[in-house]
Amino acid sequence: MLTVVTGASGFLGGVLVRTLLGEGRRVRCVDLQQGPALEGLDIEWMTADVLDRRSLDAALEGAETVFHLAAVISVTGDPTGQVWAVNVDGVRNVAEAALAAGVCRLVHCSSVHAYDLEATESVTEQSSRAVAVDLPVYDRSKAAGEAALREVIDRGLDAVIVNPTGVFGPYDFAPSRMGGVLLAMFQRRLPAVIDGGFDWVDVRDVATAMQAAESDGRTGENYLLPGHHVSLAGLAAIAADIAGHKRRLITLPMWFARIWGPLADVASRRRSGPLWYTSESLHALRFDPAVAGAKAASELNHRPRAIEETIADTHAWFTEQGWLGAANPA
């Protein structure tokens, strides 16, 4: 049985591929380029662009299952149009290619950001989607991508959608934005944290839930995949305990961050290095409703591990990579 993973070179993609290979699956990895997350793995590789239907037709040929993970994550808007193109048109292209190829099931990885986080204090699968024009473009693109997928489901594609919250954990080769924040916490490079929080879920638990969605998810259904809601200050405290730091980070009030956010947006257009906070990332921290996981727990057996375990494993993995050699233990 051939399983195709799009966005395989990414953080979640690499972890999912490892999980699939562990079950003896034949895996074809599809992405724009092969990254370090896939080095040394027994995979088939195919370069393809989700915006190029012809390349997708070749990539999905003979596939029984497709896990669609390719996406563009942004907290700095969409100045080039790439966020919308990949997250909406790309989803449509993959779905149509899967339908044409006779794929038995497509598992689409969306996000909790597909929901309007401002509209409720508790997100469920029935909550309103992120369609208002004043919401971050990333959020709107994820909602629009789901809508594009549903159009193809209505034409006969068997697909299911998972919506993880903030994904983090080990095997984060890039690292991802959240991985970079944790790394900065471990290295004492983060000057302060904002008085806000989010729901964080282990990347390994998301990969496991995606496999369960393949076999047990119901066609056309969404499954929220939460982990644990923890403030940034709480994350920093756990990270400090694991790293052996005695000094705690300063916590800045949200009103201060909201004043500073627009300045960070300007800076993001002038530099390529990491920006810890932007107006759009602050939006996620400011509007951080509870995320219901009962449906995924019941139907996919989603059981998120303790966040302390995730952070400890991430610290150990960063250490193995030699990234914490310059850490300051003060």
C-alpha atoms as a PDB file:
ATOM      1  CA  MET A   1       0.000   0.000   0.000  1.00  0.00           C
ATOM      2  CA  LEU A   2       1.413   3.354  -1.053  1.00  0.00           C
ATOM      3  CA  THR A   3       0.979   6.296   1.303  1.00  0.00           C
ATOM      4  CA  VAL A   4       1.772   9.812   0.102  1.00  0.00           C
ATOM      5  CA  VAL A   5       2.690  12.627   2.489  1.00  0.00           C
ATOM      6  CA  THR A   6       2.727  16.173   1.121  1.00  0.00           C
ATOM      7  CA  GLY A   7       4.783  18.714   3.037  1.00  0.00           C
ATOM      8  CA  ALA A   8       6.883  15.767   4.178  1.00  0.00           C
ATOM      9  CA  SER A   9      10.008  17.845   4.759  1.00  0.00           C
ATOM     10  CA  GLY A  10       8.275  19.934   7.402  1.00  0.00           C
ATOM     11  CA  PHE A  11       8.183  19.463  11.158  1.00  0.00           C
ATOM     12  CA  LEU A  12       4.959  17.453  11.426  1.00  0.00           C
ATOM     13  CA  GLY A  13       5.655  15.796   8.088  1.00  0.00           C
ATOM     14  CA  GLY A  14       8.947  14.329   9.246  1.00  0.00           C
ATOM     15  CA  VAL A  15       7.415  12.960  12.436  1.00  0.00           C
ATOM     16  CA  LEU A  16       4.443  11.482  10.582  1.00  0.00           C
ATOM     17  CA  VAL A  17       6.726   9.830   8.021  1.00  0.00           C
ATOM     18  CA  ARG A  18       8.766   8.222  10.805  1.00  0.00           C
ATOM     19  CA  THR A  19       5.576   6.915  12.393  1.00  0.00           C
ATOM     20  CA  LEU A  20       4.331   5.465   9.109  1.00  0.00           C
ATOM     21  CA  LEU A  21       7.670   3.820   8.357  1.00  0.00           C
ATOM     22  CA  GLY A  22       7.606   2.283  11.827  1.00  0.00           C
ATOM     23  CA  GLU A  23       4.481   0.416  10.753  1.00  0.00           C
ATOM     24  CA  GLY A  24       6.201  -0.946   7.672  1.00  0.00           C
ATOM     25  CA  ARG A  25       4.361   1.355   5.285  1.00  0.00           C
ATOM     26  CA  ARG A  26       5.622   2.285   1.830  1.00  0.00           C
ATOM     27  CA  VAL A  27       5.837   6.080   1.951  1.00  0.00           C
ATOM     28  CA  ARG A  28       6.253   8.549  -0.877  1.00  0.00           C
ATOM     29  CA  CYS A  29       7.365  11.941   0.419  1.00  0.00           C
ATOM     30  CA  VAL A  30       6.323  14.969  -1.610  1.00  0.00           C
ATOM     31  CA  ASP A  31       7.619  18.497  -1.149  1.00  0.00           C
ATOM     32  CA  LEU A  32       9.494  21.276  -2.912  1.00  0.00           C
ATOM     33  CA  GLN A  33      12.805  20.040  -1.530  1.00  0.00           C
ATOM     34  CA  GLN A  34      14.030  17.265   0.736  1.00  0.00           C
ATOM     35  CA  GLY A  35      14.976  18.564   4.163  1.00  0.00           C
ATOM     36  CA  PRO A  36      17.014  17.178   7.075  1.00  0.00           C
ATOM     37  CA  ALA A  37      13.893  15.708   8.703  1.00  0.00           C
ATOM     38  CA  LEU A  38      13.935  12.961   6.051  1.00  0.00           C
ATOM     39  CA  GLU A  39      17.654  12.217   5.900  1.00  0.00           C
ATOM     40  CA  GLY A  40      18.485   8.531   6.219  1.00  0.00           C
ATOM     41  CA  LEU A  41      14.865   7.379   6.016  1.00  0.00           C
ATOM     42  CA  ASP A  42      13.740   4.580   3.692  1.00  0.00           C
ATOM     43  CA  ILE A  43      11.334   6.639   1.608  1.00  0.00           C
ATOM     44  CA  GLU A  44      10.410   7.347  -1.977  1.00  0.00           C
ATOM     45  CA  TRP A  45      11.025  10.983  -2.854  1.00  0.00           C
ATOM     46  CA  MET A  46       9.212  13.096  -5.408  1.00  0.00           C
ATOM     47  CA  THR A  47       9.553  16.830  -5.917  1.00  0.00           C
ATOM     48  CA  ALA A  48       6.175  18.448  -6.520  1.00  0.00           C
ATOM     49  CA  ASP A  49       4.459  21.790  -6.039  1.00  0.00           C
ATOM     50  CA  VAL A  50       0.906  21.914  -4.708  1.00  0.00           C
ATOM     51  CA  LEU A  51       0.321  24.828  -7.094  1.00  0.00           C
ATOM     52  CA  ASP A  52       1.296  22.657 -10.079  1.00  0.00           C
ATOM     53  CA  ARG A  53      -1.471  20.163 -10.816  1.00  0.00           C
ATOM     54  CA  ARG A  54       0.617  18.179 -13.300  1.00  0.00           C
ATOM     55  CA  SER A  55       3.317  17.486 -10.716  1.00  0.00           C
ATOM     56  CA  LEU A  56       0.641  16.466  -8.209  1.00  0.00           C
ATOM     57  CA  ASP A  57      -0.919  13.999 -10.628  1.00  0.00           C
ATOM     58  CA  ALA A  58       2.451  12.270 -10.921  1.00  0.00           C
ATOM     59  CA  ALA A  59       3.085  12.401  -7.168  1.00  0.00           C
ATOM     60  CA  LEU A  60      -0.257  10.838  -6.245  1.00  0.00           C
ATOM     61  CA  GLU A  61      -0.259   8.130  -8.904  1.00  0.00           C
ATOM     62  CA  GLY A  62      -0.917   4.748  -7.296  1.00  0.00           C
ATOM     63  CA  ALA A  63      -1.561   6.184  -3.829  1.00  0.00           C
ATOM     64  CA  GLU A  64      -4.136   4.597  -1.550  1.00  0.00           C
ATOM     65  CA  THR A  65      -3.866   7.199   1.214  1.00  0.00           C
ATOM     66  CA  VAL A  66      -2.739  10.831   1.113  1.00  0.00           C
ATOM     67  CA  PHE A  67      -1.800  12.892   4.150  1.00  0.00           C
ATOM     68  CA  HIS A  68      -1.885  16.531   3.066  1.00  0.00           C
ATOM     69  CA  LEU A  69       0.371  18.632   5.297  1.00  0.00           C
ATOM     70  CA  ALA A  70       1.870  21.146   2.856  1.00  0.00           C
ATOM     71  CA  ALA A  71       1.026  24.664   4.036  1.00  0.00           C
ATOM     72  CA  VAL A  72       2.471  28.096   4.657  1.00  0.00           C
ATOM     73  CA  ILE A  73       2.296  29.309   8.261  1.00  0.00           C
ATOM     74  CA  SER A  74       2.539  33.058   8.724  1.00  0.00           C
ATOM     75  CA  VAL A  75       2.240  35.604  11.525  1.00  0.00           C
ATOM     76  CA  THR A  76       3.379  38.441   9.264  1.00  0.00           C
ATOM     77  CA  GLY A  77       0.493  38.661   6.811  1.00  0.00           C
ATOM     78  CA  ASP A  78       0.642  37.590   3.188  1.00  0.00           C
ATOM     79  CA  PRO A  79       2.710  40.175   1.284  1.00  0.00           C
ATOM     80  CA  THR A  80       3.440  37.851  -1.662  1.00  0.00           C
ATOM     81  CA  GLY A  81       0.105  36.037  -1.814  1.00  0.00           C
ATOM     82  CA  GLN A  82       1.824  32.723  -1.138  1.00  0.00           C
ATOM     83  CA  VAL A  83      -0.064  32.022   2.092  1.00  0.00           C
ATOM     84  CA  TRP A  84      -3.445  32.143   0.383  1.00  0.00           C
ATOM     85  CA  ALA A  85      -2.238  30.365  -2.739  1.00  0.00           C
ATOM     86  CA  VAL A  86      -0.753  27.360  -0.926  1.00  0.00           C
ATOM     87  CA  ASN A  87      -3.338  27.107   1.850  1.00  0.00           C
ATOM     88  CA  VAL A  88      -6.374  27.457  -0.413  1.00  0.00           C
ATOM     89  CA  ASP A  89      -5.499  26.742  -4.048  1.00  0.00           C
ATOM     90  CA  GLY A  90      -2.963  24.121  -2.968  1.00  0.00           C
ATOM     91  CA  VAL A  91      -5.568  22.256  -0.925  1.00  0.00           C
ATOM     92  CA  ARG A  92      -7.975  22.321  -3.852  1.00  0.00           C
ATOM     93  CA  ASN A  93      -5.300  21.018  -6.225  1.00  0.00           C
ATOM     94  CA  VAL A  94      -4.307  18.158  -3.924  1.00  0.00           C
ATOM     95  CA  ALA A  95      -7.943  17.212  -3.352  1.00  0.00           C
ATOM     96  CA  GLU A  96      -8.755  17.198  -7.058  1.00  0.00           C
ATOM     97  CA  ALA A  97      -5.602  15.220  -7.859  1.00  0.00           C
ATOM     98  CA  ALA A  98      -6.520  12.701  -5.144  1.00  0.00           C
ATOM     99  CA  LEU A  99     -10.029  12.328  -6.549  1.00  0.00           C
ATOM    100  CA  ALA A 100      -8.669  11.819 -10.063  1.00  0.00           C
ATOM    101  CA  ALA A 101      -6.118   9.267  -8.821  1.00  0.00           C
ATOM    102  CA  GLY A 102      -8.763   7.193  -7.049  1.00  0.00           C
ATOM    103  CA  VAL A 103      -7.237   7.744  -3.601  1.00  0.00           C
ATOM    104  CA  CYS A 104      -9.170   5.834  -0.941  1.00  0.00           C
ATOM    105  CA  ARG A 105      -8.740   8.449   1.772  1.00  0.00           C
ATOM    106  CA  LEU A 106      -7.207  11.893   2.167  1.00  0.00           C
ATOM    107  CA  VAL A 107      -6.373  13.219   5.636  1.00  0.00           C
ATOM    108  CA  HIS A 108      -6.055  16.998   5.543  1.00  0.00           C
ATOM    109  CA  CYS A 109      -4.132  18.754   8.300  1.00  0.00           C
ATOM    110  CA  SER A 110      -5.815  22.088   8.864  1.00  0.00           C
ATOM    111  CA  SER A 111      -5.512  24.067  12.107  1.00  0.00           C
ATOM    112  CA  VAL A 112      -7.480  25.378  15.055  1.00  0.00           C
ATOM    113  CA  HIS A 113      -6.891  28.729  13.366  1.00  0.00           C
ATOM    114  CA  ALA A 114      -9.516  27.778  10.787  1.00  0.00           C
ATOM    115  CA  TYR A 115     -11.995  28.718  13.519  1.00  0.00           C
ATOM    116  CA  ASP A 116     -12.832  32.265  14.609  1.00  0.00           C
ATOM    117  CA  LEU A 117     -10.953  32.391  17.898  1.00  0.00           C
ATOM    118  CA  GLU A 118     -12.533  35.754  18.741  1.00  0.00           C
ATOM    119  CA  ALA A 119     -16.088  34.449  18.538  1.00  0.00           C
ATOM    120  CA  THR A 120     -16.194  31.978  21.417  1.00  0.00           C
ATOM    121  CA  GLU A 121     -14.678  31.046  24.751  1.00  0.00           C
ATOM    122  CA  SER A 122     -14.676  27.360  23.807  1.00  0.00           C
ATOM    123  CA  VAL A 123     -13.963  26.073  20.299  1.00  0.00           C
ATOM    124  CA  THR A 124     -15.770  22.938  19.151  1.00  0.00           C
ATOM    125  CA  GLU A 125     -16.006  21.372  15.710  1.00  0.00           C
ATOM    126  CA  GLN A 126     -19.285  23.268  15.218  1.00  0.00           C
ATOM    127  CA  SER A 127     -17.833  26.704  16.016  1.00  0.00           C
ATOM    128  CA  SER A 128     -17.865  29.463  13.410  1.00  0.00           C
ATOM    129  CA  ARG A 129     -15.006  29.597  10.933  1.00  0.00           C
ATOM    130  CA  ALA A 130     -12.438  32.357  10.435  1.00  0.00           C
ATOM    131  CA  VAL A 131     -14.064  34.250   7.576  1.00  0.00           C
ATOM    132  CA  ALA A 132     -14.236  37.848   8.840  1.00  0.00           C
ATOM    133  CA  VAL A 133     -11.956  40.122   6.808  1.00  0.00           C
ATOM    134  CA  ASP A 134     -10.327  41.623   9.905  1.00  0.00           C
ATOM    135  CA  LEU A 135      -9.003  38.251  11.101  1.00  0.00           C
ATOM    136  CA  PRO A 136      -5.386  37.233  10.366  1.00  0.00           C
ATOM    137  CA  VAL A 137      -4.913  36.080   6.785  1.00  0.00           C
ATOM    138  CA  TYR A 138      -3.439  32.761   7.914  1.00  0.00           C
ATOM    139  CA  ASP A 139      -6.601  31.962   9.867  1.00  0.00           C
ATOM    140  CA  ARG A 140      -8.824  32.912   6.928  1.00  0.00           C
ATOM    141  CA  SER A 141      -6.700  30.872   4.535  1.00  0.00           C
ATOM    142  CA  LYS A 142      -7.092  27.736   6.643  1.00  0.00           C
ATOM    143  CA  ALA A 143     -10.867  28.175   6.743  1.00  0.00           C
ATOM    144  CA  ALA A 144     -10.985  28.798   2.996  1.00  0.00           C
ATOM    145  CA  GLY A 145      -8.797  25.748   2.385  1.00  0.00           C
ATOM    146  CA  GLU A 146     -11.289  23.579   4.244  1.00  0.00           C
ATOM    147  CA  ALA A 147     -14.123  25.047   2.175  1.00  0.00           C
ATOM    148  CA  ALA A 148     -12.219  24.226  -1.021  1.00  0.00           C
ATOM    149  CA  LEU A 149     -11.705  20.658   0.188  1.00  0.00           C
ATOM    150  CA  ARG A 150     -15.392  20.243   0.987  1.00  0.00           C
ATOM    151  CA  GLU A 151     -16.285  21.127  -2.590  1.00  0.00           C
ATOM    152  CA  VAL A 152     -14.265  18.102  -3.724  1.00  0.00           C
ATOM    153  CA  ILE A 153     -15.690  15.912  -0.942  1.00  0.00           C
ATOM    154  CA  ASP A 154     -19.126  16.745  -2.327  1.00  0.00           C
ATOM    155  CA  ARG A 155     -17.934  15.336  -5.661  1.00  0.00           C
ATOM    156  CA  GLY A 156     -16.944  12.005  -4.137  1.00  0.00           C
ATOM    157  CA  LEU A 157     -13.563  12.372  -2.422  1.00  0.00           C
ATOM    158  CA  ASP A 158     -13.259  10.492   0.874  1.00  0.00           C
ATOM    159  CA  ALA A 159     -11.474  12.984   3.113  1.00  0.00           C
ATOM    160  CA  VAL A 160     -11.267  13.870   6.785  1.00  0.00           C
ATOM    161  CA  ILE A 161      -9.901  17.020   8.446  1.00  0.00           C
ATOM    162  CA  VAL A 162      -7.826  17.356  11.610  1.00  0.00           C
ATOM    163  CA  ASN A 163      -7.337  20.676  13.392  1.00  0.00           C
ATOM    164  CA  PRO A 164      -4.363  20.631  15.772  1.00  0.00           C
ATOM    165  CA  THR A 165      -3.611  23.521  18.093  1.00  0.00           C
ATOM    166  CA  GLY A 166      -0.054  24.835  18.617  1.00  0.00           C
ATOM    167  CA  VAL A 167       2.224  21.981  17.540  1.00  0.00           C
ATOM    168  CA  PHE A 168       5.628  21.534  19.176  1.00  0.00           C
ATOM    169  CA  GLY A 169       8.003  18.841  20.350  1.00  0.00           C
ATOM    170  CA  PRO A 170      11.181  16.977  19.349  1.00  0.00           C
ATOM    171  CA  TYR A 171      12.490  16.300  15.812  1.00  0.00           C
ATOM    172  CA  ASP A 172      12.062  19.994  14.999  1.00  0.00           C
ATOM    173  CA  PHE A 173      14.928  20.387  12.558  1.00  0.00           C
ATOM    174  CA  ALA A 174      14.244  23.899  11.206  1.00  0.00           C
ATOM    175  CA  PRO A 175      13.264  24.708  14.000  1.00  0.00           C
ATOM    176  CA  SER A 176       9.632  25.794  13.702  1.00  0.00           C
ATOM    177  CA  ARG A 177       8.475  29.092  15.152  1.00  0.00           C
ATOM    178  CA  MET A 178       7.396  27.500  18.435  1.00  0.00           C
ATOM    179  CA  GLY A 179      10.504  25.341  18.479  1.00  0.00           C
ATOM    180  CA  GLY A 180      12.548  28.503  18.105  1.00  0.00           C
ATOM    181  CA  VAL A 181      10.754  30.055  21.063  1.00  0.00           C
ATOM    182  CA  LEU A 182      11.482  27.004  23.230  1.00  0.00           C
ATOM    183  CA  LEU A 183      15.091  26.965  22.086  1.00  0.00           C
ATOM    184  CA  ALA A 184      15.403  30.635  23.022  1.00  0.00           C
ATOM    185  CA  MET A 185      13.911  29.878  26.435  1.00  0.00           C
ATOM    186  CA  PHE A 186      16.406  27.071  26.998  1.00  0.00           C
ATOM    187  CA  GLN A 187      19.280  29.327  25.903  1.00  0.00           C
ATOM    188  CA  ARG A 188      18.070  32.363  27.883  1.00  0.00           C
ATOM    189  CA  ARG A 189      17.818  34.421  24.680  1.00  0.00           C
ATOM    190  CA  LEU A 190      14.171  35.377  25.073  1.00  0.00           C
ATOM    191  CA  PRO A 191      14.082  38.705  26.944  1.00  0.00           C
ATOM    192  CA  ALA A 192      10.472  38.496  28.128  1.00  0.00           C
ATOM    193  CA  VAL A 193       7.167  36.741  27.580  1.00  0.00           C
ATOM    194  CA  ILE A 194       3.701  38.146  27.036  1.00  0.00           C
ATOM    195  CA  ASP A 195       0.843  37.699  29.484  1.00  0.00           C
ATOM    196  CA  GLY A 196      -1.050  35.308  27.242  1.00  0.00           C
ATOM    197  CA  GLY A 197      -1.246  31.653  26.380  1.00  0.00           C
ATOM    198  CA  PHE A 198      -2.440  29.046  23.921  1.00  0.00           C
ATOM    199  CA  ASP A 199      -3.228  25.366  23.622  1.00  0.00           C
ATOM    200  CA  TRP A 200      -0.106  23.322  22.822  1.00  0.00           C
ATOM    201  CA  VAL A 201      -0.028  19.756  21.525  1.00  0.00           C
ATOM    202  CA  ASP A 202       2.857  17.325  21.037  1.00  0.00           C
ATOM    203  CA  VAL A 203       3.774  16.729  17.397  1.00  0.00           C
ATOM    204  CA  ARG A 204       3.918  12.965  18.028  1.00  0.00           C
ATOM    205  CA  ASP A 205       0.357  12.971  19.338  1.00  0.00           C
ATOM    206  CA  VAL A 206      -0.809  14.832  16.233  1.00  0.00           C
ATOM    207  CA  ALA A 207       0.911  12.276  13.988  1.00  0.00           C
ATOM    208  CA  THR A 208      -0.762   9.431  15.889  1.00  0.00           C
ATOM    209  CA  ALA A 209      -4.160  11.118  15.656  1.00  0.00           C
ATOM    210  CA  MET A 210      -3.729  11.622  11.917  1.00  0.00           C
ATOM    211  CA  GLN A 211      -3.165   7.903  11.498  1.00  0.00           C
ATOM    212  CA  ALA A 212      -6.286   7.236  13.541  1.00  0.00           C
ATOM    213  CA  ALA A 213      -8.185   9.675  11.334  1.00  0.00           C
ATOM    214  CA  GLU A 214      -7.102   7.649   8.315  1.00  0.00           C
ATOM    215  CA  SER A 215      -8.710   4.484   9.659  1.00  0.00           C
ATOM    216  CA  ASP A 216     -11.434   5.716  12.007  1.00  0.00           C
ATOM    217  CA  GLY A 217     -12.328   9.275  11.020  1.00  0.00           C
ATOM    218  CA  ARG A 218     -15.690   9.907   9.389  1.00  0.00           C
ATOM    219  CA  THR A 219     -15.791  11.332   5.877  1.00  0.00           C
ATOM    220  CA  GLY A 220     -16.130  15.112   5.815  1.00  0.00           C
ATOM    221  CA  GLU A 221     -15.723  15.482   9.577  1.00  0.00           C
ATOM    222  CA  ASN A 222     -13.405  17.816  11.496  1.00  0.00           C
ATOM    223  CA  TYR A 223     -11.437  16.639  14.531  1.00  0.00           C
ATOM    224  CA  LEU A 224      -9.900  19.194  16.866  1.00  0.00           C
ATOM    225  CA  LEU A 225      -6.595  17.964  18.322  1.00  0.00           C
ATOM    226  CA  PRO A 226      -5.860  19.936  21.485  1.00  0.00           C
ATOM    227  CA  GLY A 227      -3.151  19.304  24.024  1.00  0.00           C
ATOM    228  CA  HIS A 228      -2.928  21.525  27.093  1.00  0.00           C
ATOM    229  CA  HIS A 229      -3.640  25.212  27.570  1.00  0.00           C
ATOM    230  CA  VAL A 230      -0.592  26.843  29.162  1.00  0.00           C
ATOM    231  CA  SER A 231       0.502  30.468  29.370  1.00  0.00           C
ATOM    232  CA  LEU A 232       3.811  31.555  27.885  1.00  0.00           C
ATOM    233  CA  ALA A 233       4.985  32.276  31.415  1.00  0.00           C
ATOM    234  CA  GLY A 234       4.026  28.729  32.353  1.00  0.00           C
ATOM    235  CA  LEU A 235       5.947  27.310  29.396  1.00  0.00           C
ATOM    236  CA  ALA A 236       8.961  29.410  30.326  1.00  0.00           C
ATOM    237  CA  ALA A 237       8.821  28.176  33.926  1.00  0.00           C
ATOM    238  CA  ILE A 238       8.709  24.523  32.841  1.00  0.00           C
ATOM    239  CA  ALA A 239      11.546  25.119  30.376  1.00  0.00           C
ATOM    240  CA  ALA A 240      13.610  26.828  33.084  1.00  0.00           C
ATOM    241  CA  ASP A 241      13.121  23.932  35.495  1.00  0.00           C
ATOM    242  CA  ILE A 242      14.156  21.392  32.853  1.00  0.00           C
ATOM    243  CA  ALA A 243      17.178  23.431  31.766  1.00  0.00           C
ATOM    244  CA  GLY A 244      18.224  24.110  35.365  1.00  0.00           C
ATOM    245  CA  HIS A 245      17.788  27.884  35.199  1.00  0.00           C
ATOM    246  CA  LYS A 246      17.098  29.723  38.420  1.00  0.00           C
ATOM    247  CA  ARG A 247      16.070  33.114  37.048  1.00  0.00           C
ATOM    248  CA  ARG A 248      12.559  33.517  35.595  1.00  0.00           C
ATOM    249  CA  LEU A 249      11.619  35.631  32.579  1.00  0.00           C
ATOM    250  CA  ILE A 250       9.794  38.931  32.881  1.00  0.00           C
ATOM    251  CA  THR A 251       6.104  38.830  31.922  1.00  0.00           C
ATOM    252  CA  LEU A 252       4.851  41.858  29.987  1.00  0.00           C
ATOM    253  CA  PRO A 253       1.167  42.849  30.009  1.00  0.00           C
ATOM    254  CA  MET A 254      -0.836  42.346  26.818  1.00  0.00           C
ATOM    255  CA  TRP A 255      -1.563  46.069  26.484  1.00  0.00           C
ATOM    256  CA  PHE A 256       2.166  46.752  26.200  1.00  0.00           C
ATOM    257  CA  ALA A 257       2.577  44.062  23.566  1.00  0.00           C
ATOM    258  CA  ARG A 258      -0.355  45.398  21.538  1.00  0.00           C
ATOM    259  CA  ILE A 259       1.331  48.801  21.361  1.00  0.00           C
ATOM    260  CA  TRP A 260       4.610  47.214  20.299  1.00  0.00           C
ATOM    261  CA  GLY A 261       3.042  44.752  17.836  1.00  0.00           C
ATOM    262  CA  PRO A 262       2.651  47.178  14.887  1.00  0.00           C
ATOM    263  CA  LEU A 263       6.321  48.156  15.226  1.00  0.00           C
ATOM    264  CA  ALA A 264       7.247  44.483  15.012  1.00  0.00           C
ATOM    265  CA  ASP A 265       5.153  44.203  11.848  1.00  0.00           C
ATOM    266  CA  VAL A 266       7.255  46.930  10.249  1.00  0.00           C
ATOM    267  CA  ALA A 267      10.457  45.267  11.441  1.00  0.00           C
ATOM    268  CA  SER A 268       9.342  41.928   9.980  1.00  0.00           C
ATOM    269  CA  ARG A 269       9.439  43.459   6.510  1.00  0.00           C
ATOM    270  CA  ARG A 270      13.022  44.626   6.989  1.00  0.00           C
ATOM    271  CA  ARG A 271      14.745  41.625   8.531  1.00  0.00           C
ATOM    272  CA  SER A 272      14.925  37.875   8.043  1.00  0.00           C
ATOM    273  CA  GLY A 273      15.722  36.850  11.628  1.00  0.00           C
ATOM    274  CA  PRO A 274      13.140  35.665  14.152  1.00  0.00           C
ATOM    275  CA  LEU A 275      10.589  38.061  15.587  1.00  0.00           C
ATOM    276  CA  TRP A 276       9.078  36.669  18.745  1.00  0.00           C
ATOM    277  CA  TYR A 277       5.908  38.776  18.568  1.00  0.00           C
ATOM    278  CA  THR A 278       3.883  40.371  15.755  1.00  0.00           C
ATOM    279  CA  SER A 279       0.330  41.688  15.653  1.00  0.00           C
ATOM    280  CA  GLU A 280      -0.885  38.358  14.285  1.00  0.00           C
ATOM    281  CA  SER A 281       0.957  36.195  16.808  1.00  0.00           C
ATOM    282  CA  LEU A 282      -0.373  38.438  19.584  1.00  0.00           C
ATOM    283  CA  HIS A 283      -3.863  37.883  18.219  1.00  0.00           C
ATOM    284  CA  ALA A 284      -3.484  34.159  18.905  1.00  0.00           C
ATOM    285  CA  LEU A 285      -2.238  34.799  22.440  1.00  0.00           C
ATOM    286  CA  ARG A 286      -4.950  37.343  23.170  1.00  0.00           C
ATOM    287  CA  PHE A 287      -7.838  35.251  21.845  1.00  0.00           C
ATOM    288  CA  ASP A 288      -7.042  31.808  23.192  1.00  0.00           C
ATOM    289  CA  PRO A 289     -10.314  29.993  23.890  1.00  0.00           C
ATOM    290  CA  ALA A 290     -10.506  26.530  25.354  1.00  0.00           C
ATOM    291  CA  VAL A 291     -10.385  23.844  22.665  1.00  0.00           C
ATOM    292  CA  ALA A 292     -12.699  20.858  22.984  1.00  0.00           C
ATOM    293  CA  GLY A 293     -11.064  17.501  22.395  1.00  0.00           C
ATOM    294  CA  ALA A 294     -13.934  15.161  23.262  1.00  0.00           C
ATOM    295  CA  LYS A 295     -14.683  14.166  19.667  1.00  0.00           C
ATOM    296  CA  ALA A 296     -11.080  13.240  18.870  1.00  0.00           C
ATOM    297  CA  ALA A 297     -10.747  11.469  22.212  1.00  0.00           C
ATOM    298  CA  SER A 298     -13.848   9.382  21.536  1.00  0.00           C
ATOM    299  CA  GLU A 299     -13.378   8.595  17.843  1.00  0.00           C
ATOM    300  CA  LEU A 300      -9.593   8.793  17.362  1.00  0.00           C
ATOM    301  CA  ASN A 301      -8.445   7.856  20.878  1.00  0.00           C
ATOM    302  CA  HIS A 302      -6.537  11.151  21.038  1.00  0.00           C
ATOM    303  CA  ARG A 303      -4.715  11.199  24.387  1.00  0.00           C
ATOM    304  CA  PRO A 304      -2.270  14.116  24.559  1.00  0.00           C
ATOM    305  CA  ARG A 305       0.733  13.468  26.763  1.00  0.00           C
ATOM    306  CA  ALA A 306       1.769  15.772  29.606  1.00  0.00           C
ATOM    307  CA  ILE A 307       3.260  19.042  28.414  1.00  0.00           C
ATOM    308  CA  GLU A 308       6.188  18.575  30.798  1.00  0.00           C
ATOM    309  CA  GLU A 309       7.084  15.393  28.916  1.00  0.00           C
ATOM    310  CA  THR A 310       6.989  17.208  25.587  1.00  0.00           C
ATOM    311  CA  ILE A 311       9.219  20.027  26.795  1.00  0.00           C
ATOM    312  CA  ALA A 312      11.668  17.610  28.437  1.00  0.00           C
ATOM    313  CA  ASP A 313      11.885  15.509  25.272  1.00  0.00           C
ATOM    314  CA  THR A 314      12.382  18.637  23.183  1.00  0.00           C
ATOM    315  CA  HIS A 315      15.197  19.790  25.467  1.00  0.00           C
ATOM    316  CA  ALA A 316      16.840  16.371  25.178  1.00  0.00           C
ATOM    317  CA  TRP A 317      16.517  16.432  21.389  1.00  0.00           C
ATOM    318  CA  PHE A 318      17.938  19.962  21.123  1.00  0.00           C
ATOM    319  CA  THR A 319      20.834  18.804  23.296  1.00  0.00           C
ATOM    320  CA  GLU A 320      21.471  15.834  20.987  1.00  0.00           C
ATOM    321  CA  GLN A 321      21.655  18.233  18.049  1.00  0.00           C
ATOM    322  CA  GLY A 322      24.296  20.294  19.858  1.00  0.00           C
ATOM    323  CA  TRP A 323      22.070  23.373  19.871  1.00  0.00           C
ATOM    324  CA  LEU A 324      22.288  23.948  23.620  1.00  0.00           C
ATOM    325  CA  GLY A 325      26.048  23.975  23.925  1.00  0.00           C
ATOM    326  CA  ALA A 326      26.064  27.742  24.368  1.00  0.00           C
ATOM    327  CA  ALA A 327      23.239  27.780  26.871  1.00  0.00           C
ATOM    328  CA  ASN A 328      23.606  30.115  29.838  1.00  0.00           C
ATOM    329  CA  PRO A 329      22.725  28.291  33.087  1.00  0.00           C
ATOM    330  CA  ALA A 330      22.201  31.529  35.044  1.00  0.00           C
END
